Amino acid sequence: MDTRVAYMAGVRSIVLLSFLSLAAAGPLKDWSDQGELMDEAQLSKPALSDDMISALNNQNGGTWVAGRNTLFEGATLKQAKVLMGTLQNSDASSFLPYKAPEKIVELPEAFDWRTDPRAAKCPSLNEIRDQANCGSCWAFGSVEAMTDRMCIASKGEQNVHLSAQDVASCDKLGDMGCNGGVPSTVYSYYHLNGIVDGGNYGDKSMCYSYQLKPCAHHSSSTKYANCSDEVPTPKCARECVDDGKSWEGSKHRGGAGYSVCQQGGNCAEAMQQDIYQNGPITGMFFVHQSFLAYKSGVYKAGNPLSDPMLGGHAIKIMGWGTEDAAPYWLVANSWNEDWGDHGFFKIDRGHNQCQIENAMINGGPVAGAQKTGAEKSPSTPHYEDPKNGCQSDEVDISIQGAKGSVCVPSCSLFKPCPTDVPAGVTAKPQCVLQDAATKKKYCALICSPSANDDQCGANASCKGIQGVGICTYDDANQTSSLQAGFKMDDSIVV
């Protein structure tokens, strides 16, 4: 039974959610409300045509060159849409928090991480990956930036190649593998679960390399096989496929992810500051049909009526500059090196081209801090005894009718519960509490009231609340910061 429990002092009320409600409430959706092409008749048309390419190259004021890319030869727009796997996250409360730069530095007129001395020992900056016929761009655009940042932060000592397959197959924070996801969740997954190392398709030197073979649509190319229309997401391995090492031992973790841009701020300048000071960032933009034919120059989309939008796409932004008076972002794509300018492209900068600088959409461009050797994990785990104080991301709760209290951290569909529990605890953290006023969710250690108390560790015990068990500390009643606890409110039905 779902129940609501409220602070007696009136500070807030909390809903105890059913265990299935969070998984069923996924807020990801397509971009049809932003103009994404959904008409089946239009989608059945060719992705490339000589007439389209000629018109693009003959347009007045054109800043880029169009041509035929092998990847989309013979493909329909519907088949091309498969690659645009960044979905719309309608839950704004789950956006990564904005992180202001620690300092503002003078920026060069042009910048490219591939030629910066700070990244001289980081070969990943020159790499173009291949997501194959799978909507996993949300995973690729994220692990590519993470891989670069890890190397840059370590001054080339950590040349770890993070696995896009681990993310695409094992990240269940609302994401759906080849059927799409959002980059911000990848940074949460990286921080909390870690990502194993893994190379591109066919690489056997790392833990879990990409499992999907590069392809092209109905192509006579001897380099690529034909793409199949449906590509199921490979099952999460949970053990190293290639190098025989342990899965957990191959995990690499970074600092918490953050939004690069402040809502209402100058997103383009904020992006430049973060890229220059810390490394490439993960961005998202809307792909129009003309982009499939990009070859060189500074890309700008055409009129939406003649240049339909096909969906959201995640990429790695790694620099900027100006070409023939046209300002641009330098971007790495994940459509293999035969597409575009050897896999890279330039796109109009400073004018929110294709929403690439929109801080509102999915929380804007995102990035993450890299852990250094000097960084240590917190000495105190989450879900600790409140008598010694709670961590900054926790609140102290006690429940009326159930002795004791406990520190609990916040959570959401895209921010899983921390798994660092006190010694001896076998109860599992779950996102089961919700603030009725703010809708903010909290974790709790869920246990079985009929089982042995050892599941809550040596200093806590399992308290039953209408058939559900939550671990609390008995000695904390008199020290709870709320001095009140919770009460049941049976008038609320979830």
Protein backbone atom coordinates (compact mmCIF):
# COMPACT_ATOMS: atom_id res chain seq x y z
CA MET A 1 0.00 0.00 0.00
CA ASP A 2 1.24 3.48 -0.85
CA THR A 3 1.23 5.83 2.12
CA ARG A 4 2.04 9.44 2.81
CA VAL A 5 3.98 10.43 5.87
CA ALA A 6 4.40 14.05 6.93
CA TYR A 7 6.57 16.03 9.28
CA MET A 8 4.35 16.83 12.25
CA ALA A 9 6.00 20.23 12.49
CA GLY A 10 4.62 21.09 9.07
CA VAL A 11 8.01 21.48 7.45
CA ARG A 12 7.16 19.09 4.60
CA SER A 13 5.16 15.98 3.85
CA ILE A 14 6.60 12.83 2.36
CA VAL A 15 5.07 10.19 0.12
CA LEU A 16 6.24 6.61 0.43
CA LEU A 17 6.21 5.57 -3.24
CA SER A 18 5.46 2.11 -4.51
CA PHE A 19 8.59 0.35 -5.76
CA LEU A 20 7.22 0.18 -9.30
CA SER A 21 6.03 3.75 -9.68
CA LEU A 22 9.45 5.26 -10.31
CA ALA A 23 10.36 2.86 -13.07
CA ALA A 24 7.01 3.40 -14.77
CA ALA A 25 7.16 7.16 -14.68
CA GLY A 26 9.92 7.71 -17.22
CA PRO A 27 9.78 11.28 -18.52
CA LEU A 28 11.74 10.73 -21.74
CA LYS A 29 9.94 11.45 -24.99
CA ASP A 30 10.55 12.47 -28.60
CA TRP A 31 10.89 16.05 -29.91
CA SER A 32 7.63 16.21 -31.86
CA ASP A 33 6.58 19.26 -29.85
CA GLN A 34 9.79 20.95 -31.06
CA GLY A 35 9.18 20.18 -34.72
CA GLU A 36 10.66 16.69 -35.12
CA LEU A 37 9.50 15.12 -38.38
CA MET A 38 7.05 12.31 -37.60
CA ASP A 39 5.10 11.98 -40.88
CA GLU A 40 5.68 8.49 -42.28
CA ALA A 41 5.25 9.59 -45.89
CA GLN A 42 7.96 12.23 -45.52
CA LEU A 43 10.21 9.86 -43.61
CA SER A 44 10.10 7.35 -46.45
CA LYS A 45 11.96 9.79 -48.72
CA PRO A 46 15.71 9.46 -49.41
CA ALA A 47 18.10 10.95 -46.85
CA LEU A 48 20.34 12.24 -49.67
CA SER A 49 19.59 13.46 -53.16
CA ASP A 50 21.57 15.22 -55.87
CA ASP A 51 18.95 17.97 -56.07
CA MET A 52 19.17 18.65 -52.32
CA ILE A 53 22.98 18.73 -52.37
CA SER A 54 23.05 21.02 -55.39
CA ALA A 55 20.58 23.41 -53.78
CA LEU A 56 22.59 23.51 -50.57
CA ASN A 57 25.83 24.28 -52.39
CA ASN A 58 24.20 27.00 -54.49
CA GLN A 59 22.42 28.84 -51.69
CA ASN A 60 23.22 32.52 -51.21
CA GLY A 61 25.44 33.21 -48.23
CA GLY A 62 26.31 29.57 -47.77
CA THR A 63 29.08 28.85 -45.25
CA TRP A 64 29.44 25.11 -45.73
CA VAL A 65 29.78 22.43 -48.40
CA ALA A 66 27.36 19.54 -48.86
CA GLY A 67 28.12 16.17 -50.44
CA ARG A 68 27.32 12.48 -50.34
CA ASN A 69 28.31 10.62 -47.16
CA THR A 70 28.58 6.85 -47.48
CA LEU A 71 26.74 6.28 -44.20
CA PHE A 72 23.49 7.63 -45.64
CA GLU A 73 23.75 6.37 -49.22
CA GLY A 74 20.49 4.55 -49.99
CA ALA A 75 19.01 5.39 -46.57
CA THR A 76 15.58 6.87 -45.99
CA LEU A 77 15.03 9.69 -43.52
CA LYS A 78 13.41 7.17 -41.18
CA GLN A 79 16.53 5.02 -41.24
CA ALA A 80 18.73 8.06 -40.64
CA LYS A 81 16.57 9.10 -37.67
CA VAL A 82 17.70 5.98 -35.81
CA LEU A 83 21.04 7.66 -35.09
CA MET A 84 19.43 10.65 -33.38
CA GLY A 85 19.02 8.98 -29.99
CA THR A 86 19.01 11.94 -27.61
CA LEU A 87 15.47 12.15 -26.25
CA GLN A 88 13.65 14.95 -24.48
CA ASN A 89 13.78 14.86 -20.70
CA SER A 90 10.55 16.42 -19.45
CA ASP A 91 11.57 16.23 -15.77
CA ALA A 92 13.37 19.54 -15.21
CA SER A 93 13.95 18.66 -11.55
CA SER A 94 16.40 15.97 -12.67
CA PHE A 95 18.66 18.33 -14.64
CA LEU A 96 22.24 18.43 -13.44
CA PRO A 97 22.99 21.45 -11.24
CA TYR A 98 24.75 24.44 -12.76
CA LYS A 99 28.39 24.82 -11.75
CA ALA A 100 29.93 28.26 -12.11
CA PRO A 101 33.58 28.41 -13.23
CA GLU A 102 36.03 28.88 -10.38
CA LYS A 103 37.60 31.71 -12.34
CA ILE A 104 37.08 33.61 -15.58
CA VAL A 105 40.08 33.56 -17.91
CA GLU A 106 40.86 35.44 -21.09
CA LEU A 107 39.90 33.26 -24.04
CA PRO A 108 41.75 32.96 -27.34
CA GLU A 109 39.97 33.80 -30.59
CA ALA A 110 40.38 30.19 -31.71
CA PHE A 111 40.95 27.02 -29.71
CA ASP A 112 41.33 23.33 -30.51
CA TRP A 113 42.10 20.71 -27.84
CA ARG A 114 43.72 18.52 -30.50
CA THR A 115 46.63 20.97 -30.78
CA ASP A 116 46.80 22.23 -27.19
CA PRO A 117 50.08 21.28 -25.40
CA ARG A 118 48.13 20.28 -22.28
CA ALA A 119 46.68 17.35 -24.23
CA ALA A 120 49.80 16.31 -26.14
CA LYS A 121 49.65 12.82 -24.58
CA CYS A 122 45.90 12.32 -25.13
CA PRO A 123 45.24 10.47 -28.41
CA SER A 124 41.50 10.24 -27.73
CA LEU A 125 41.13 13.87 -28.78
CA ASN A 126 41.85 12.87 -32.38
CA GLU A 127 39.58 9.83 -32.30
CA ILE A 128 36.22 9.50 -34.07
CA ARG A 129 34.04 6.69 -32.78
CA ASP A 130 31.20 4.87 -34.57
CA GLN A 131 27.84 4.28 -32.90
CA ALA A 132 26.79 1.97 -35.80
CA ASN A 133 23.07 1.73 -36.55
CA CYS A 134 22.07 2.43 -32.94
CA GLY A 135 20.59 5.47 -31.21
CA SER A 136 23.37 5.52 -28.61
CA CYS A 137 24.74 9.00 -29.36
CA TRP A 138 23.75 10.02 -25.81
CA ALA A 139 26.29 7.49 -24.53
CA PHE A 140 29.01 8.30 -27.08
CA GLY A 141 28.95 12.08 -26.71
CA SER A 142 29.35 11.58 -22.98
CA VAL A 143 32.07 8.92 -22.71
CA GLU A 144 34.11 10.70 -25.38
CA ALA A 145 34.28 13.89 -23.32
CA MET A 146 34.89 11.92 -20.11
CA THR A 147 37.75 9.98 -21.73
CA ASP A 148 39.40 13.22 -22.88
CA ARG A 149 38.95 14.94 -19.52
CA MET A 150 40.42 12.05 -17.59
CA CYS A 151 43.55 12.19 -19.73
CA ILE A 152 43.81 15.99 -19.63
CA ALA A 153 43.34 16.16 -15.83
CA SER A 154 46.07 13.54 -15.31
CA LYS A 155 48.42 15.25 -17.79
CA GLY A 156 48.38 12.19 -19.98
CA GLU A 157 49.02 9.62 -17.26
CA GLN A 158 45.51 8.12 -17.48
CA ASN A 159 44.90 7.15 -21.09
CA VAL A 160 41.75 5.21 -20.28
CA HIS A 161 39.25 4.58 -23.08
CA LEU A 162 35.80 4.54 -21.44
CA SER A 163 33.30 2.04 -22.80
CA ALA A 164 30.29 3.36 -24.70
CA GLN A 165 28.87 -0.17 -24.55
CA ASP A 166 28.87 -0.24 -20.75
CA VAL A 167 26.76 2.93 -20.77
CA ALA A 168 24.44 1.94 -23.63
CA SER A 169 23.74 -1.53 -22.22
CA CYS A 170 24.05 -1.14 -18.44
CA ASP A 171 22.91 2.41 -17.62
CA LYS A 172 19.28 1.95 -16.55
CA LEU A 173 18.75 5.43 -15.13
CA GLY A 174 15.80 5.97 -17.43
CA ASP A 175 17.87 5.44 -20.60
CA MET A 176 16.97 2.89 -23.25
CA GLY A 177 20.13 1.82 -25.06
CA CYS A 178 19.77 1.95 -28.85
CA ASN A 179 16.31 3.45 -28.38
CA GLY A 180 17.68 6.64 -26.86
CA GLY A 181 18.62 8.40 -23.65
CA VAL A 182 20.02 11.67 -22.27
CA PRO A 183 23.67 12.61 -21.63
CA SER A 184 23.10 13.98 -18.12
CA THR A 185 22.27 10.51 -16.80
CA VAL A 186 25.57 9.19 -18.14
CA TYR A 187 27.44 11.59 -15.86
CA SER A 188 25.39 10.34 -12.89
CA TYR A 189 26.12 6.76 -13.92
CA TYR A 190 29.83 7.57 -14.25
CA HIS A 191 29.92 9.17 -10.80
CA LEU A 192 27.91 6.53 -8.92
CA ASN A 193 28.40 3.27 -10.82
CA GLY A 194 31.58 3.90 -12.77
CA ILE A 195 32.26 2.96 -16.40
CA VAL A 196 34.57 0.14 -17.48
CA ASP A 197 37.19 0.59 -20.17
CA GLY A 198 36.31 -0.54 -23.67
CA GLY A 199 37.47 0.12 -27.20
CA ASN A 200 35.75 0.37 -30.57
CA TYR A 201 34.21 -2.60 -32.36
CA GLY A 202 36.67 -5.47 -32.70
CA ASP A 203 39.09 -4.20 -30.03
CA LYS A 204 39.95 -7.10 -27.70
CA SER A 205 42.41 -5.24 -25.47
CA MET A 206 39.92 -3.81 -22.97
CA CYS A 207 37.08 -4.95 -20.73
CA TYR A 208 33.92 -4.27 -22.76
CA SER A 209 34.38 -2.87 -26.27
CA TYR A 210 31.54 -1.77 -28.54
CA GLN A 211 29.57 -4.77 -29.74
CA LEU A 212 27.85 -3.33 -32.83
CA LYS A 213 29.64 -3.50 -36.17
CA PRO A 214 29.94 -0.31 -38.28
CA CYS A 215 27.60 -0.32 -41.27
CA ALA A 216 26.17 1.69 -44.16
CA HIS A 217 22.71 1.70 -45.73
CA HIS A 218 22.34 -0.35 -48.95
CA SER A 219 25.87 0.56 -49.89
CA SER A 220 28.18 -1.05 -52.39
CA SER A 221 31.04 -0.10 -50.10
CA THR A 222 33.58 -2.84 -49.44
CA LYS A 223 34.40 -1.23 -46.11
CA TYR A 224 30.98 -1.41 -44.44
CA ALA A 225 28.28 -4.07 -44.37
CA ASN A 226 24.66 -3.09 -44.89
CA CYS A 227 22.83 -1.81 -41.82
CA SER A 228 19.91 -3.84 -40.51
CA ASP A 229 16.68 -1.96 -39.90
CA GLU A 230 16.42 -2.99 -36.25
CA VAL A 231 19.37 -3.23 -33.87
CA PRO A 232 18.62 -4.55 -30.36
CA THR A 233 20.77 -3.17 -27.57
CA PRO A 234 23.40 -5.74 -26.54
CA LYS A 235 22.73 -7.21 -23.12
CA CYS A 236 24.74 -5.79 -20.23
CA ALA A 237 27.74 -8.08 -19.79
CA ARG A 238 28.48 -7.32 -16.11
CA GLU A 239 31.79 -9.07 -16.63
CA CYS A 240 34.71 -8.24 -18.88
CA VAL A 241 34.20 -9.73 -22.33
CA ASP A 242 37.69 -9.39 -23.75
CA ASP A 243 40.59 -8.88 -21.34
CA GLY A 244 39.66 -11.32 -18.56
CA LYS A 245 39.85 -8.70 -15.80
CA SER A 246 37.21 -8.16 -13.13
CA TRP A 247 34.23 -5.96 -14.00
CA GLU A 248 34.38 -3.89 -10.85
CA GLY A 249 38.16 -3.66 -11.07
CA SER A 250 37.80 -2.17 -14.55
CA LYS A 251 35.39 0.55 -13.42
CA HIS A 252 36.49 4.20 -13.55
CA ARG A 253 34.62 6.96 -11.75
CA GLY A 254 34.52 10.71 -12.12
CA GLY A 255 33.25 13.60 -10.08
CA ALA A 256 29.61 14.64 -10.13
CA GLY A 257 28.27 15.95 -13.44
CA TYR A 258 27.04 19.50 -13.87
CA SER A 259 25.32 21.81 -16.33
CA VAL A 260 27.80 24.12 -18.03
CA CYS A 261 25.26 26.91 -18.63
CA GLN A 262 23.20 28.90 -16.18
CA GLN A 263 19.55 29.40 -17.10
CA GLY A 264 19.27 32.89 -18.57
CA GLY A 265 23.04 33.36 -18.82
CA ASN A 266 25.41 33.64 -21.78
CA CYS A 267 25.63 29.96 -22.62
CA ALA A 268 28.13 30.31 -25.47
CA GLU A 269 30.66 32.12 -23.28
CA ALA A 270 30.13 29.67 -20.42
CA MET A 271 30.76 26.78 -22.81
CA GLN A 272 34.02 28.37 -23.97
CA GLN A 273 35.23 28.90 -20.41
CA ASP A 274 34.54 25.32 -19.39
CA ILE A 275 36.02 23.81 -22.54
CA TYR A 276 39.19 25.88 -22.32
CA GLN A 277 39.77 25.33 -18.61
CA ASN A 278 38.68 21.70 -18.20
CA GLY A 279 38.33 19.87 -21.50
CA PRO A 280 35.66 18.93 -24.07
CA ILE A 281 32.01 19.01 -23.02
CA THR A 282 28.96 17.02 -24.07
CA GLY A 283 26.43 18.99 -26.09
CA MET A 284 23.14 18.29 -27.81
CA PHE A 285 21.56 19.78 -30.92
CA PHE A 286 18.70 19.16 -33.35
CA VAL A 287 19.74 17.40 -36.55
CA HIS A 288 18.12 18.60 -39.78
CA GLN A 289 18.14 16.63 -43.02
CA SER A 290 20.81 18.88 -44.56
CA PHE A 291 23.26 17.90 -41.80
CA LEU A 292 23.40 14.35 -43.19
CA ALA A 293 25.17 15.82 -46.25
CA TYR A 294 27.72 17.92 -44.34
CA LYS A 295 31.26 17.81 -45.74
CA SER A 296 33.11 20.94 -44.61
CA GLY A 297 32.70 24.55 -43.54
CA VAL A 298 30.49 26.10 -40.84
CA TYR A 299 27.14 24.34 -40.80
CA LYS A 300 23.84 26.21 -40.61
CA ALA A 301 20.45 24.53 -40.97
CA GLY A 302 17.94 25.70 -43.55
CA ASN A 303 14.26 26.58 -43.33
CA PRO A 304 12.44 23.90 -41.27
CA LEU A 305 9.82 23.54 -44.02
CA SER A 306 12.42 22.48 -46.57
CA ASP A 307 15.00 21.13 -44.12
CA PRO A 308 13.04 19.00 -41.62
CA MET A 309 14.32 18.31 -38.11
CA LEU A 310 14.97 14.61 -37.47
CA GLY A 311 15.66 14.50 -33.73
CA GLY A 312 18.15 15.21 -30.96
CA HIS A 313 21.81 14.23 -31.23
CA ALA A 314 24.58 14.26 -28.60
CA ILE A 315 28.16 15.11 -29.53
CA LYS A 316 31.51 16.23 -28.08
CA ILE A 317 32.34 19.94 -28.36
CA MET A 318 36.08 20.51 -28.18
CA GLY A 319 36.92 23.97 -29.46
CA TRP A 320 35.90 27.01 -31.47
CA GLY A 321 37.10 29.52 -34.03
CA THR A 322 36.10 31.63 -37.04
CA GLU A 323 36.21 30.61 -40.68
CA ASP A 324 35.63 33.21 -43.41
CA ALA A 325 34.01 35.51 -40.82
CA ALA A 326 31.70 32.71 -39.64
CA PRO A 327 32.14 31.82 -35.92
CA TYR A 328 31.95 28.09 -35.19
CA TRP A 329 32.08 25.33 -32.61
CA LEU A 330 34.50 22.48 -33.35
CA VAL A 331 32.71 19.18 -32.77
CA ALA A 332 33.49 15.46 -32.90
CA ASN A 333 30.67 13.27 -34.21
CA SER A 334 30.21 9.51 -33.72
CA TRP A 335 29.31 8.55 -37.31
CA ASN A 336 32.79 7.21 -38.28
CA GLU A 337 35.63 9.11 -39.95
CA ASP A 338 34.14 8.75 -43.46
CA TRP A 339 31.30 11.12 -42.57
CA GLY A 340 31.76 14.89 -42.75
CA ASP A 341 35.23 16.38 -42.31
CA HIS A 342 36.97 13.13 -41.33
CA GLY A 343 34.30 12.65 -38.67
CA PHE A 344 34.46 16.21 -37.29
CA PHE A 345 32.28 19.19 -38.12
CA LYS A 346 31.96 22.90 -37.48
CA ILE A 347 28.64 24.51 -36.58
CA ASP A 348 27.57 28.11 -36.23
CA ARG A 349 28.55 29.56 -32.84
CA GLY A 350 26.90 32.30 -30.78
CA HIS A 351 23.46 32.11 -32.37
CA ASN A 352 22.07 28.96 -30.70
CA GLN A 353 22.21 27.14 -34.03
CA CYS A 354 19.96 24.06 -33.89
CA GLN A 355 19.58 24.68 -30.12
CA ILE A 356 23.21 23.72 -29.44
CA GLU A 357 23.52 26.56 -26.89
CA ASN A 358 20.07 26.19 -25.33
CA ALA A 359 20.43 25.96 -21.54
CA MET A 360 16.77 24.99 -21.16
CA ILE A 361 16.72 21.86 -23.32
CA ASN A 362 17.71 18.87 -21.18
CA GLY A 363 19.59 21.26 -18.90
CA GLY A 364 21.93 22.43 -21.67
CA PRO A 365 25.50 21.25 -22.35
CA VAL A 366 26.91 19.09 -19.55
CA ALA A 367 30.31 18.05 -18.25
CA GLY A 368 31.96 16.49 -15.21
CA ALA A 369 34.93 16.98 -12.95
CA GLN A 370 37.66 14.35 -12.98
CA LYS A 371 38.81 12.74 -9.77
CA THR A 372 42.49 13.07 -9.00
CA GLY A 373 44.79 10.81 -7.03
CA ALA A 374 44.50 13.14 -4.04
CA GLU A 375 40.72 12.90 -3.94
CA LYS A 376 39.29 10.57 -1.32
CA SER A 377 35.87 9.06 -0.79
CA PRO A 378 33.87 10.43 2.14
CA SER A 379 34.93 8.83 5.41
CA THR A 380 31.28 8.68 6.52
CA PRO A 381 28.83 6.69 4.36
CA HIS A 382 25.28 7.78 3.61
CA TYR A 383 22.31 6.60 5.73
CA GLU A 384 24.31 7.18 8.88
CA ASP A 385 23.22 7.79 12.47
CA PRO A 386 21.95 11.41 12.81
CA LYS A 387 23.39 11.75 16.31
CA ASN A 388 26.74 12.55 14.66
CA GLY A 389 25.19 14.84 12.04
CA CYS A 390 24.12 14.20 8.44
CA GLN A 391 26.05 14.92 5.25
CA SER A 392 25.29 18.06 3.26
CA ASP A 393 23.13 16.15 0.73
CA GLU A 394 20.99 14.45 3.40
CA VAL A 395 18.12 15.29 5.73
CA ASP A 396 17.47 13.85 9.18
CA ILE A 397 14.08 12.08 9.33
CA SER A 398 12.17 10.25 12.05
CA ILE A 399 8.84 8.49 11.59
CA GLN A 400 5.90 8.74 13.99
CA GLY A 401 5.02 5.33 15.31
CA ALA A 402 8.43 3.92 14.46
CA LYS A 403 11.24 4.45 16.90
CA GLY A 404 14.45 6.04 15.65
CA SER A 405 15.64 8.29 12.85
CA VAL A 406 18.12 8.21 9.97
CA CYS A 407 19.95 10.46 7.53
CA VAL A 408 18.61 10.12 3.97
CA PRO A 409 19.96 11.61 0.69
CA SER A 410 17.86 12.95 -2.19
CA CYS A 411 17.29 11.04 -5.41
CA SER A 412 15.38 11.09 -8.72
CA LEU A 413 14.83 8.92 -11.75
CA PHE A 414 18.13 10.25 -13.11
CA LYS A 415 19.94 10.49 -9.78
CA PRO A 416 20.07 7.04 -8.19
CA CYS A 417 20.45 6.49 -4.50
CA PRO A 418 24.06 6.42 -3.22
CA THR A 419 25.18 2.88 -2.54
CA ASP A 420 27.75 3.68 0.16
CA VAL A 421 26.05 2.26 3.24
CA PRO A 422 27.33 1.81 6.80
CA ALA A 423 29.41 -1.27 7.56
CA GLY A 424 27.41 -4.46 7.87
CA VAL A 425 24.27 -3.13 6.16
CA THR A 426 22.64 -5.46 3.62
CA ALA A 427 19.39 -3.49 3.24
CA LYS A 428 19.13 -1.91 -0.19
CA PRO A 429 18.89 1.85 -0.82
CA GLN A 430 15.77 2.73 -2.81
CA CYS A 431 14.20 5.99 -3.98
CA VAL A 432 10.90 5.59 -2.08
CA LEU A 433 10.21 8.87 -0.26
CA GLN A 434 8.78 12.01 -1.80
CA ASP A 435 8.24 15.54 -0.51
CA ALA A 436 4.58 16.26 -1.25
CA ALA A 437 5.18 20.02 -1.49
CA THR A 438 8.29 20.14 -3.70
CA LYS A 439 7.99 16.63 -5.22
CA LYS A 440 11.63 16.09 -4.29
CA LYS A 441 12.44 12.44 -3.71
CA TYR A 442 14.58 10.81 -1.03
CA CYS A 443 16.23 7.46 -0.48
CA ALA A 444 15.77 5.02 2.36
CA LEU A 445 17.29 1.71 3.33
CA ILE A 446 14.51 -0.79 2.60
CA CYS A 447 14.45 -3.91 4.71
CA SER A 448 12.12 -6.77 5.67
CA PRO A 449 10.54 -6.29 9.14
CA SER A 450 10.26 -10.07 9.57
CA ALA A 451 13.91 -10.73 8.80
CA ASN A 452 16.97 -10.60 11.01
CA ASP A 453 17.88 -7.11 12.26
CA ASP A 454 21.42 -7.59 10.97
CA GLN A 455 20.23 -6.33 7.55
CA CYS A 456 20.38 -2.78 8.98
CA GLY A 457 23.84 -3.21 10.49
CA ALA A 458 24.94 -3.36 14.10
CA ASN A 459 23.52 0.00 15.25
CA ALA A 460 20.19 0.25 13.43
CA SER A 461 17.10 -1.92 13.12
CA CYS A 462 14.26 -2.51 10.64
CA LYS A 463 11.04 -0.64 11.48
CA GLY A 464 7.80 -1.74 9.83
CA ILE A 465 5.57 0.89 8.21
CA GLN A 466 2.41 -0.74 6.83
CA GLY A 467 4.29 -3.74 5.54
CA VAL A 468 7.39 -1.85 4.38
CA GLY A 469 10.58 -1.83 6.41
CA ILE A 470 12.96 1.14 6.78
CA CYS A 471 16.23 1.08 8.71
CA THR A 472 16.51 3.66 11.52
CA TYR A 473 18.76 4.23 14.52
CA ASP A 474 17.08 3.83 17.89
CA ASP A 475 19.49 6.10 19.75
CA ALA A 476 18.74 9.08 17.51
CA ASN A 477 15.25 10.02 18.68
CA GLN A 478 16.40 12.71 21.06
CA THR A 479 18.92 14.19 18.65
CA SER A 480 16.81 14.42 15.48
CA SER A 481 17.08 17.87 13.96
CA LEU A 482 13.33 17.81 13.29
CA GLN A 483 12.35 16.98 16.86
CA ALA A 484 9.07 15.61 15.51
CA GLY A 485 9.13 12.91 12.91
CA PHE A 486 6.51 11.75 10.45
CA LYS A 487 2.85 10.91 10.65
CA MET A 488 0.70 8.88 8.31
CA ASP A 489 -1.85 10.69 6.16
CA ASP A 490 -4.31 8.10 4.85
CA SER A 491 -6.27 10.73 2.91
CA ILE A 492 -3.62 10.82 0.21
CA VAL A 493 -3.67 8.17 -2.50
CA VAL A 494 -0.63 7.92 -4.76
